[in-house]
Amino acid sequence: MVVAAVVTGVAFVAGVWDEPELKQSLCGLPRADKSPLGVVLPKGRRGVETREVSEMSGHGKVLCVISVDGEGAVTVLMFGQDPNRPTSTDTTGMDTRKMIAKGVVASLGGASQVDYCPGTRDLAAFVTVMSDPATWPESPAEQAAHTRALASLAATVLAEQRHEVCY
């Protein structure tokens, strides 16, 4: 609702202004108010992505950072790796096959998921989505929504973008 009046050449405007929904696509992920990316990023402030595609250990690697107001807010890291190769987590008894079986693992600060590349058991895609502590909400309900959103982002990146590292 907007009310406007003109009195002796001066315009007065009063009323309720609805913020327009901010829609973007960042790091291949849609952003809208209720989308997982919309939940994680600061409300009403435009994001900018920086994307780097390279190789790591002979397999694809994608690093995409979403910044808001010049500060990194969300980092998406995805890379391909031989699932039979020892990882740094092997000292804890966790190997890649166990990580694949877990599905998405999420917390307030990030979420990860690993799965085999389509058609092979010799290459796996690893995805991690991390949010900057400055984006973490304070209330327990909002923290839970933030964690669910990160889990959803990790699953979406793995499902829709793993072809970038599975070659």
N, C-alpha and C. Protein backbone atom coordinates (compact mmCIF):
# COMPACT_ATOMS: atom_id res chain seq x y z
N MET A 1 0.84 -1.17 0.00
CA MET A 1 0.00 0.00 0.00
C MET A 1 0.89 1.23 0.00
N VAL A 2 0.59 2.17 -0.89
CA VAL A 2 1.36 3.40 -0.97
C VAL A 2 0.36 4.55 -1.07
N VAL A 3 0.58 5.56 -0.27
CA VAL A 3 -0.27 6.74 -0.30
C VAL A 3 0.62 7.91 -0.69
N ALA A 4 0.17 8.70 -1.64
CA ALA A 4 0.96 9.84 -2.07
C ALA A 4 0.07 11.07 -2.12
N ALA A 5 0.66 12.20 -1.78
CA ALA A 5 -0.10 13.45 -1.83
C ALA A 5 0.85 14.56 -2.25
N VAL A 6 0.30 15.56 -2.93
CA VAL A 6 1.12 16.70 -3.33
C VAL A 6 0.51 17.93 -2.68
N VAL A 7 1.31 18.62 -1.90
CA VAL A 7 0.86 19.84 -1.23
C VAL A 7 1.85 20.93 -1.58
N THR A 8 1.38 21.96 -2.24
CA THR A 8 2.19 23.09 -2.68
C THR A 8 3.53 22.68 -3.29
N GLY A 9 3.45 21.76 -4.22
CA GLY A 9 4.63 21.39 -4.97
C GLY A 9 5.58 20.41 -4.28
N VAL A 10 5.26 19.92 -3.10
CA VAL A 10 6.12 18.98 -2.40
C VAL A 10 5.38 17.64 -2.34
N ALA A 11 6.05 16.59 -2.72
CA ALA A 11 5.42 15.27 -2.71
C ALA A 11 5.74 14.57 -1.39
N PHE A 12 4.72 14.00 -0.79
CA PHE A 12 4.88 13.19 0.41
C PHE A 12 4.44 11.77 0.07
N VAL A 13 5.24 10.82 0.44
CA VAL A 13 4.89 9.43 0.18
C VAL A 13 4.98 8.69 1.51
N ALA A 14 3.91 7.99 1.83
CA ALA A 14 3.90 7.19 3.05
C ALA A 14 3.30 5.84 2.73
N GLY A 15 3.64 4.85 3.48
CA GLY A 15 3.04 3.55 3.25
C GLY A 15 4.01 2.44 3.56
N VAL A 16 3.63 1.23 3.19
CA VAL A 16 4.43 0.05 3.44
C VAL A 16 5.06 -0.38 2.12
N TRP A 17 6.36 -0.52 2.13
CA TRP A 17 7.07 -0.94 0.93
C TRP A 17 7.47 -2.39 1.11
N ASP A 18 7.03 -3.21 0.22
CA ASP A 18 7.44 -4.61 0.25
C ASP A 18 8.77 -4.72 -0.48
N GLU A 19 9.74 -5.34 0.19
CA GLU A 19 11.02 -5.58 -0.47
C GLU A 19 10.80 -6.56 -1.61
N PRO A 20 11.28 -6.26 -2.79
CA PRO A 20 11.14 -7.22 -3.87
C PRO A 20 12.00 -8.45 -3.57
N GLU A 21 11.52 -9.61 -3.97
CA GLU A 21 12.27 -10.84 -3.75
C GLU A 21 13.55 -10.80 -4.58
N LEU A 22 14.65 -11.12 -3.93
CA LEU A 22 15.95 -11.12 -4.60
C LEU A 22 16.15 -12.49 -5.22
N LYS A 23 16.20 -12.55 -6.55
CA LYS A 23 16.40 -13.81 -7.26
C LYS A 23 17.72 -13.74 -8.01
N GLN A 24 18.53 -14.76 -7.81
CA GLN A 24 19.82 -14.86 -8.48
C GLN A 24 20.13 -16.33 -8.70
N SER A 25 21.13 -16.59 -9.50
CA SER A 25 21.71 -17.91 -9.61
C SER A 25 23.19 -17.75 -9.29
N LEU A 26 23.64 -18.40 -8.22
CA LEU A 26 25.03 -18.28 -7.79
C LEU A 26 25.61 -19.67 -7.63
N CYS A 27 26.76 -19.90 -8.18
CA CYS A 27 27.43 -21.21 -8.14
C CYS A 27 26.50 -22.31 -8.66
N GLY A 28 25.67 -21.96 -9.64
CA GLY A 28 24.75 -22.93 -10.23
C GLY A 28 23.56 -23.25 -9.35
N LEU A 29 23.35 -22.47 -8.30
CA LEU A 29 22.26 -22.71 -7.35
C LEU A 29 21.27 -21.54 -7.40
N PRO A 30 19.98 -21.83 -7.45
CA PRO A 30 19.01 -20.74 -7.48
C PRO A 30 18.88 -20.08 -6.11
N ARG A 31 18.73 -18.76 -6.13
CA ARG A 31 18.51 -18.03 -4.89
C ARG A 31 17.18 -17.30 -4.99
N ALA A 32 16.33 -17.58 -4.06
CA ALA A 32 15.06 -16.88 -3.87
C ALA A 32 14.83 -16.90 -2.36
N ASP A 33 13.86 -16.16 -1.88
CA ASP A 33 13.66 -16.03 -0.44
C ASP A 33 13.57 -17.36 0.30
N LYS A 34 12.84 -18.31 -0.24
CA LYS A 34 12.61 -19.58 0.46
C LYS A 34 13.53 -20.71 -0.02
N SER A 35 14.42 -20.42 -0.97
CA SER A 35 15.33 -21.46 -1.46
C SER A 35 16.41 -21.71 -0.41
N PRO A 36 17.08 -22.87 -0.47
CA PRO A 36 18.16 -23.13 0.49
C PRO A 36 19.24 -22.03 0.47
N LEU A 37 19.61 -21.56 -0.71
CA LEU A 37 20.62 -20.51 -0.78
C LEU A 37 20.08 -19.20 -0.19
N GLY A 38 18.80 -18.95 -0.40
CA GLY A 38 18.16 -17.77 0.19
C GLY A 38 18.12 -17.81 1.70
N VAL A 39 18.03 -19.01 2.26
CA VAL A 39 18.03 -19.18 3.72
C VAL A 39 19.41 -18.90 4.29
N VAL A 40 20.45 -19.31 3.58
CA VAL A 40 21.82 -19.22 4.10
C VAL A 40 22.42 -17.83 3.92
N LEU A 41 22.13 -17.17 2.80
CA LEU A 41 22.73 -15.86 2.54
C LEU A 41 21.98 -14.74 3.26
N PRO A 42 22.68 -13.64 3.57
CA PRO A 42 22.01 -12.50 4.20
C PRO A 42 20.85 -11.99 3.34
N LYS A 43 19.75 -11.70 3.97
CA LYS A 43 18.52 -11.29 3.28
C LYS A 43 18.68 -9.94 2.58
N GLY A 44 18.15 -9.87 1.36
CA GLY A 44 18.04 -8.61 0.63
C GLY A 44 19.34 -8.03 0.11
N ARG A 45 20.44 -8.76 0.24
CA ARG A 45 21.72 -8.24 -0.23
C ARG A 45 22.24 -9.12 -1.34
N ARG A 46 22.59 -8.51 -2.45
CA ARG A 46 23.01 -9.22 -3.65
C ARG A 46 24.34 -9.93 -3.42
N GLY A 47 24.43 -11.15 -3.93
CA GLY A 47 25.65 -11.93 -3.86
C GLY A 47 26.41 -11.90 -5.18
N VAL A 48 27.70 -12.16 -5.12
CA VAL A 48 28.55 -12.21 -6.29
C VAL A 48 29.37 -13.50 -6.19
N GLU A 49 29.48 -14.24 -7.28
CA GLU A 49 30.25 -15.49 -7.24
C GLU A 49 31.61 -15.33 -7.89
N THR A 50 32.56 -16.05 -7.34
CA THR A 50 33.89 -16.20 -7.92
C THR A 50 34.07 -17.70 -8.11
N ARG A 51 34.28 -18.13 -9.33
CA ARG A 51 34.36 -19.56 -9.64
C ARG A 51 35.72 -19.89 -10.24
N GLU A 52 36.33 -20.95 -9.72
CA GLU A 52 37.63 -21.39 -10.20
C GLU A 52 37.53 -22.88 -10.53
N VAL A 53 37.85 -23.24 -11.76
CA VAL A 53 37.84 -24.63 -12.19
C VAL A 53 39.28 -25.03 -12.46
N SER A 54 39.70 -26.14 -11.87
CA SER A 54 41.08 -26.60 -12.03
C SER A 54 41.12 -28.12 -11.88
N GLU A 55 42.30 -28.63 -11.63
CA GLU A 55 42.45 -30.06 -11.39
C GLU A 55 43.18 -30.28 -10.08
N MET A 56 42.87 -31.42 -9.47
CA MET A 56 43.53 -31.83 -8.24
C MET A 56 43.77 -33.32 -8.34
N SER A 57 44.99 -33.74 -8.23
CA SER A 57 45.37 -35.16 -8.34
C SER A 57 44.86 -35.78 -9.64
N GLY A 58 44.85 -35.00 -10.71
CA GLY A 58 44.44 -35.51 -12.01
C GLY A 58 42.95 -35.57 -12.24
N HIS A 59 42.16 -35.05 -11.30
CA HIS A 59 40.70 -35.04 -11.43
C HIS A 59 40.19 -33.60 -11.31
N GLY A 60 38.94 -33.40 -11.71
CA GLY A 60 38.37 -32.06 -11.70
C GLY A 60 38.19 -31.50 -10.30
N LYS A 61 38.31 -30.18 -10.22
CA LYS A 61 38.09 -29.46 -8.97
C LYS A 61 37.37 -28.16 -9.29
N VAL A 62 36.32 -27.85 -8.53
CA VAL A 62 35.58 -26.60 -8.69
C VAL A 62 35.50 -25.94 -7.33
N LEU A 63 35.91 -24.69 -7.27
CA LEU A 63 35.79 -23.89 -6.06
C LEU A 63 34.97 -22.67 -6.42
N CYS A 64 33.87 -22.47 -5.72
CA CYS A 64 33.00 -21.33 -5.99
C CYS A 64 32.71 -20.64 -4.67
N VAL A 65 33.01 -19.35 -4.60
CA VAL A 65 32.79 -18.57 -3.38
C VAL A 65 31.73 -17.51 -3.68
N ILE A 66 30.72 -17.46 -2.83
CA ILE A 66 29.68 -16.44 -2.93
C ILE A 66 29.98 -15.38 -1.89
N SER A 67 30.17 -14.16 -2.37
CA SER A 67 30.46 -13.04 -1.47
C SER A 67 29.26 -12.10 -1.43
N VAL A 68 29.03 -11.53 -0.27
CA VAL A 68 28.00 -10.51 -0.08
C VAL A 68 28.69 -9.32 0.57
N ASP A 69 28.53 -8.16 -0.02
CA ASP A 69 29.20 -6.94 0.47
C ASP A 69 30.71 -7.13 0.59
N GLY A 70 31.30 -7.86 -0.36
CA GLY A 70 32.74 -8.04 -0.40
C GLY A 70 33.29 -9.08 0.57
N GLU A 71 32.43 -9.73 1.32
CA GLU A 71 32.87 -10.74 2.29
C GLU A 71 32.37 -12.11 1.86
N GLY A 72 33.24 -13.13 1.94
CA GLY A 72 32.82 -14.50 1.61
C GLY A 72 31.73 -14.97 2.54
N ALA A 73 30.62 -15.43 1.98
CA ALA A 73 29.49 -15.89 2.79
C ALA A 73 29.31 -17.41 2.69
N VAL A 74 29.45 -17.95 1.48
CA VAL A 74 29.28 -19.38 1.25
C VAL A 74 30.38 -19.85 0.31
N THR A 75 30.98 -20.98 0.63
CA THR A 75 32.01 -21.59 -0.22
C THR A 75 31.54 -22.97 -0.63
N VAL A 76 31.60 -23.25 -1.91
CA VAL A 76 31.25 -24.57 -2.45
C VAL A 76 32.54 -25.16 -3.04
N LEU A 77 32.93 -26.31 -2.54
CA LEU A 77 34.11 -27.01 -3.05
C LEU A 77 33.68 -28.38 -3.51
N MET A 78 34.06 -28.73 -4.73
CA MET A 78 33.73 -30.04 -5.28
C MET A 78 34.97 -30.56 -6.01
N PHE A 79 35.27 -31.82 -5.79
CA PHE A 79 36.41 -32.40 -6.51
C PHE A 79 36.19 -33.90 -6.71
N GLY A 80 36.86 -34.42 -7.73
CA GLY A 80 36.83 -35.84 -8.00
C GLY A 80 38.05 -36.51 -7.39
N GLN A 81 37.86 -37.74 -6.90
CA GLN A 81 38.98 -38.47 -6.31
C GLN A 81 38.73 -39.96 -6.43
N ASP A 82 39.80 -40.71 -6.54
CA ASP A 82 39.73 -42.17 -6.52
C ASP A 82 39.23 -42.60 -5.14
N PRO A 83 38.08 -43.25 -5.07
CA PRO A 83 37.55 -43.63 -3.76
C PRO A 83 38.37 -44.70 -3.04
N ASN A 84 39.26 -45.34 -3.76
CA ASN A 84 40.10 -46.38 -3.15
C ASN A 84 41.41 -45.81 -2.61
N ARG A 85 41.66 -44.54 -2.91
CA ARG A 85 42.87 -43.87 -2.43
C ARG A 85 42.69 -43.49 -0.97
N PRO A 86 43.69 -43.71 -0.13
CA PRO A 86 43.57 -43.33 1.28
C PRO A 86 43.32 -41.83 1.42
N THR A 87 42.49 -41.48 2.38
CA THR A 87 42.23 -40.07 2.66
C THR A 87 42.79 -39.74 4.03
N SER A 88 42.84 -38.46 4.34
CA SER A 88 43.36 -38.06 5.65
C SER A 88 42.46 -38.57 6.77
N THR A 89 41.22 -38.92 6.45
CA THR A 89 40.30 -39.41 7.49
C THR A 89 40.50 -40.88 7.79
N ASP A 90 41.37 -41.57 7.02
CA ASP A 90 41.59 -43.00 7.27
C ASP A 90 42.12 -43.28 8.67
N THR A 91 42.80 -42.32 9.29
CA THR A 91 43.34 -42.53 10.63
C THR A 91 42.21 -42.67 11.66
N THR A 92 41.03 -42.19 11.33
CA THR A 92 39.90 -42.30 12.25
C THR A 92 39.01 -43.49 11.89
N GLY A 93 39.43 -44.27 10.91
CA GLY A 93 38.63 -45.42 10.51
C GLY A 93 37.58 -45.09 9.47
N MET A 94 37.55 -43.84 8.98
CA MET A 94 36.57 -43.43 8.00
C MET A 94 37.21 -43.50 6.62
N ASP A 95 36.68 -44.33 5.74
CA ASP A 95 37.19 -44.33 4.38
C ASP A 95 36.09 -43.81 3.46
N THR A 96 36.46 -43.62 2.20
CA THR A 96 35.53 -43.03 1.25
C THR A 96 34.24 -43.83 1.13
N ARG A 97 34.33 -45.13 1.11
CA ARG A 97 33.12 -45.95 0.97
C ARG A 97 32.17 -45.74 2.15
N LYS A 98 32.72 -45.57 3.35
CA LYS A 98 31.87 -45.28 4.51
C LYS A 98 31.25 -43.89 4.40
N MET A 99 32.03 -42.95 3.86
CA MET A 99 31.50 -41.60 3.68
C MET A 99 30.35 -41.60 2.67
N ILE A 100 30.49 -42.40 1.61
CA ILE A 100 29.43 -42.51 0.61
C ILE A 100 28.16 -43.06 1.25
N ALA A 101 28.30 -44.06 2.09
CA ALA A 101 27.15 -44.69 2.73
C ALA A 101 26.42 -43.75 3.67
N LYS A 102 27.09 -42.73 4.22
CA LYS A 102 26.47 -41.81 5.17
C LYS A 102 25.49 -40.84 4.51
N GLY A 103 25.64 -40.56 3.25
CA GLY A 103 24.81 -39.54 2.62
C GLY A 103 25.31 -38.16 3.03
N VAL A 104 24.41 -37.20 3.19
CA VAL A 104 24.80 -35.84 3.55
C VAL A 104 25.09 -35.78 5.05
N VAL A 105 26.22 -35.17 5.38
CA VAL A 105 26.58 -34.92 6.77
C VAL A 105 26.58 -33.40 6.92
N ALA A 106 25.79 -32.87 7.87
CA ALA A 106 25.65 -31.42 7.98
C ALA A 106 25.73 -30.94 9.42
N SER A 107 26.17 -29.70 9.55
CA SER A 107 26.18 -29.00 10.83
C SER A 107 25.90 -27.53 10.53
N LEU A 108 25.92 -26.71 11.55
CA LEU A 108 25.62 -25.29 11.36
C LEU A 108 26.58 -24.63 10.37
N GLY A 109 27.84 -25.05 10.37
CA GLY A 109 28.84 -24.40 9.54
C GLY A 109 29.03 -24.97 8.16
N GLY A 110 28.49 -26.17 7.90
CA GLY A 110 28.71 -26.74 6.59
C GLY A 110 28.06 -28.09 6.41
N ALA A 111 28.13 -28.57 5.18
CA ALA A 111 27.56 -29.87 4.84
C ALA A 111 28.44 -30.50 3.77
N SER A 112 28.54 -31.82 3.83
CA SER A 112 29.34 -32.55 2.85
C SER A 112 28.59 -33.79 2.39
N GLN A 113 28.90 -34.19 1.18
CA GLN A 113 28.37 -35.43 0.65
C GLN A 113 29.36 -35.98 -0.38
N VAL A 114 29.45 -37.29 -0.43
CA VAL A 114 30.33 -37.98 -1.37
C VAL A 114 29.51 -39.07 -2.04
N ASP A 115 29.71 -39.24 -3.34
CA ASP A 115 29.06 -40.35 -4.04
C ASP A 115 29.92 -40.71 -5.24
N TYR A 116 29.71 -41.94 -5.70
CA TYR A 116 30.42 -42.38 -6.89
C TYR A 116 29.97 -41.57 -8.09
N CYS A 117 30.88 -41.40 -9.02
CA CYS A 117 30.52 -40.80 -10.30
C CYS A 117 29.68 -41.80 -11.07
N PRO A 118 28.76 -41.32 -11.90
CA PRO A 118 27.89 -42.23 -12.65
C PRO A 118 28.68 -43.23 -13.48
N GLY A 119 28.30 -44.49 -13.37
CA GLY A 119 28.87 -45.54 -14.21
C GLY A 119 30.22 -46.09 -13.78
N THR A 120 30.73 -45.68 -12.62
CA THR A 120 32.03 -46.19 -12.18
C THR A 120 32.13 -46.24 -10.67
N ARG A 121 32.94 -47.16 -10.20
CA ARG A 121 33.27 -47.23 -8.76
C ARG A 121 34.72 -46.80 -8.57
N ASP A 122 35.34 -46.28 -9.64
CA ASP A 122 36.74 -45.87 -9.58
C ASP A 122 36.93 -44.37 -9.42
N LEU A 123 35.84 -43.63 -9.36
CA LEU A 123 35.92 -42.18 -9.18
C LEU A 123 34.71 -41.73 -8.37
N ALA A 124 34.97 -40.88 -7.39
CA ALA A 124 33.90 -40.33 -6.56
C ALA A 124 33.95 -38.81 -6.60
N ALA A 125 32.80 -38.20 -6.43
CA ALA A 125 32.71 -36.74 -6.35
C ALA A 125 32.49 -36.36 -4.89
N PHE A 126 33.33 -35.46 -4.39
CA PHE A 126 33.24 -34.95 -3.03
C PHE A 126 32.71 -33.53 -3.09
N VAL A 127 31.70 -33.20 -2.28
CA VAL A 127 31.14 -31.85 -2.24
C VAL A 127 31.12 -31.37 -0.80
N THR A 128 31.56 -30.15 -0.59
CA THR A 128 31.45 -29.50 0.71
C THR A 128 30.90 -28.10 0.49
N VAL A 129 29.90 -27.73 1.27
CA VAL A 129 29.34 -26.38 1.25
C VAL A 129 29.52 -25.81 2.65
N MET A 130 30.24 -24.69 2.74
CA MET A 130 30.52 -24.08 4.04
C MET A 130 29.96 -22.67 4.10
N SER A 131 29.43 -22.31 5.25
CA SER A 131 28.95 -20.94 5.43
C SER A 131 29.83 -20.22 6.43
N ASP A 132 30.06 -18.95 6.19
CA ASP A 132 30.87 -18.14 7.08
C ASP A 132 30.14 -17.96 8.41
N PRO A 133 30.85 -17.99 9.52
CA PRO A 133 30.20 -17.81 10.83
C PRO A 133 29.37 -16.52 10.93
N ALA A 134 29.72 -15.50 10.16
CA ALA A 134 28.93 -14.26 10.19
C ALA A 134 27.51 -14.46 9.67
N THR A 135 27.27 -15.55 8.92
CA THR A 135 25.93 -15.81 8.38
C THR A 135 25.10 -16.70 9.31
N TRP A 136 25.70 -17.22 10.37
CA TRP A 136 24.98 -18.16 11.24
C TRP A 136 23.93 -17.43 12.07
N PRO A 137 22.72 -17.92 12.04
CA PRO A 137 21.66 -17.29 12.84
C PRO A 137 21.83 -17.60 14.34
N GLU A 138 21.12 -16.85 15.17
CA GLU A 138 21.23 -17.01 16.61
C GLU A 138 20.21 -17.96 17.20
N SER A 139 18.98 -17.92 16.71
CA SER A 139 17.94 -18.75 17.33
C SER A 139 18.10 -20.21 16.92
N PRO A 140 17.78 -21.13 17.83
CA PRO A 140 17.89 -22.56 17.52
C PRO A 140 17.05 -22.97 16.30
N ALA A 141 15.86 -22.40 16.14
CA ALA A 141 15.01 -22.75 15.00
C ALA A 141 15.67 -22.30 13.69
N GLU A 142 16.22 -21.09 13.69
CA GLU A 142 16.89 -20.60 12.48
C GLU A 142 18.19 -21.36 12.22
N GLN A 143 18.88 -21.78 13.27
CA GLN A 143 20.09 -22.59 13.10
C GLN A 143 19.75 -23.94 12.45
N ALA A 144 18.64 -24.54 12.89
CA ALA A 144 18.21 -25.81 12.30
C ALA A 144 17.87 -25.62 10.82
N ALA A 145 17.18 -24.53 10.49
CA ALA A 145 16.84 -24.25 9.09
C ALA A 145 18.11 -24.00 8.27
N HIS A 146 19.07 -23.32 8.85
CA HIS A 146 20.35 -23.04 8.19
C HIS A 146 21.08 -24.36 7.89
N THR A 147 21.12 -25.26 8.86
CA THR A 147 21.78 -26.56 8.68
C THR A 147 21.08 -27.39 7.61
N ARG A 148 19.73 -27.40 7.64
CA ARG A 148 18.97 -28.13 6.60
C ARG A 148 19.24 -27.54 5.23
N ALA A 149 19.34 -26.22 5.14
CA ALA A 149 19.60 -25.56 3.86
C ALA A 149 20.98 -25.94 3.33
N LEU A 150 21.99 -25.98 4.21
CA LEU A 150 23.33 -26.39 3.77
C LEU A 150 23.32 -27.83 3.27
N ALA A 151 22.62 -28.71 3.97
CA ALA A 151 22.51 -30.11 3.54
C ALA A 151 21.86 -30.20 2.17
N SER A 152 20.81 -29.42 1.97
CA SER A 152 20.12 -29.41 0.68
C SER A 152 21.04 -28.88 -0.43
N LEU A 153 21.83 -27.85 -0.13
CA LEU A 153 22.76 -27.31 -1.12
C LEU A 153 23.81 -28.34 -1.51
N ALA A 154 24.36 -29.04 -0.52
CA ALA A 154 25.37 -30.07 -0.84
C ALA A 154 24.78 -31.16 -1.72
N ALA A 155 23.58 -31.62 -1.39
CA ALA A 155 22.93 -32.67 -2.18
C ALA A 155 22.63 -32.18 -3.59
N THR A 156 22.19 -30.93 -3.72
CA THR A 156 21.88 -30.37 -5.04
C THR A 156 23.14 -30.23 -5.89
N VAL A 157 24.20 -29.72 -5.31
CA VAL A 157 25.46 -29.58 -6.07
C VAL A 157 25.92 -30.95 -6.55
N LEU A 158 25.90 -31.95 -5.66
CA LEU A 158 26.35 -33.28 -6.06
C LEU A 158 25.48 -33.84 -7.19
N ALA A 159 24.18 -33.71 -7.06
CA ALA A 159 23.27 -34.27 -8.07
C ALA A 159 23.35 -33.55 -9.41
N GLU A 160 23.48 -32.23 -9.38
CA GLU A 160 23.38 -31.45 -10.61
C GLU A 160 24.71 -31.02 -11.22
N GLN A 161 25.80 -31.07 -10.45
CA GLN A 161 27.05 -30.53 -10.97
C GLN A 161 28.22 -31.50 -10.94
N ARG A 162 28.01 -32.72 -10.49
CA ARG A 162 29.14 -33.65 -10.38
C ARG A 162 29.80 -33.94 -11.73
N HIS A 163 29.08 -33.74 -12.83
CA HIS A 163 29.68 -33.95 -14.14
C HIS A 163 30.92 -33.08 -14.35
N GLU A 164 31.03 -31.98 -13.60
CA GLU A 164 32.19 -31.10 -13.73
C GLU A 164 33.47 -31.72 -13.16
N VAL A 165 33.34 -32.73 -12.30
CA VAL A 165 34.53 -33.37 -11.73
C VAL A 165 34.57 -34.87 -12.05
N CYS A 166 33.54 -35.39 -12.64
CA CYS A 166 33.47 -36.83 -12.97
C CYS A 166 33.84 -37.01 -14.45
N TYR A 167 35.11 -37.02 -14.73
CA TYR A 167 35.56 -37.26 -16.11
C TYR A 167 36.83 -38.04 -16.12
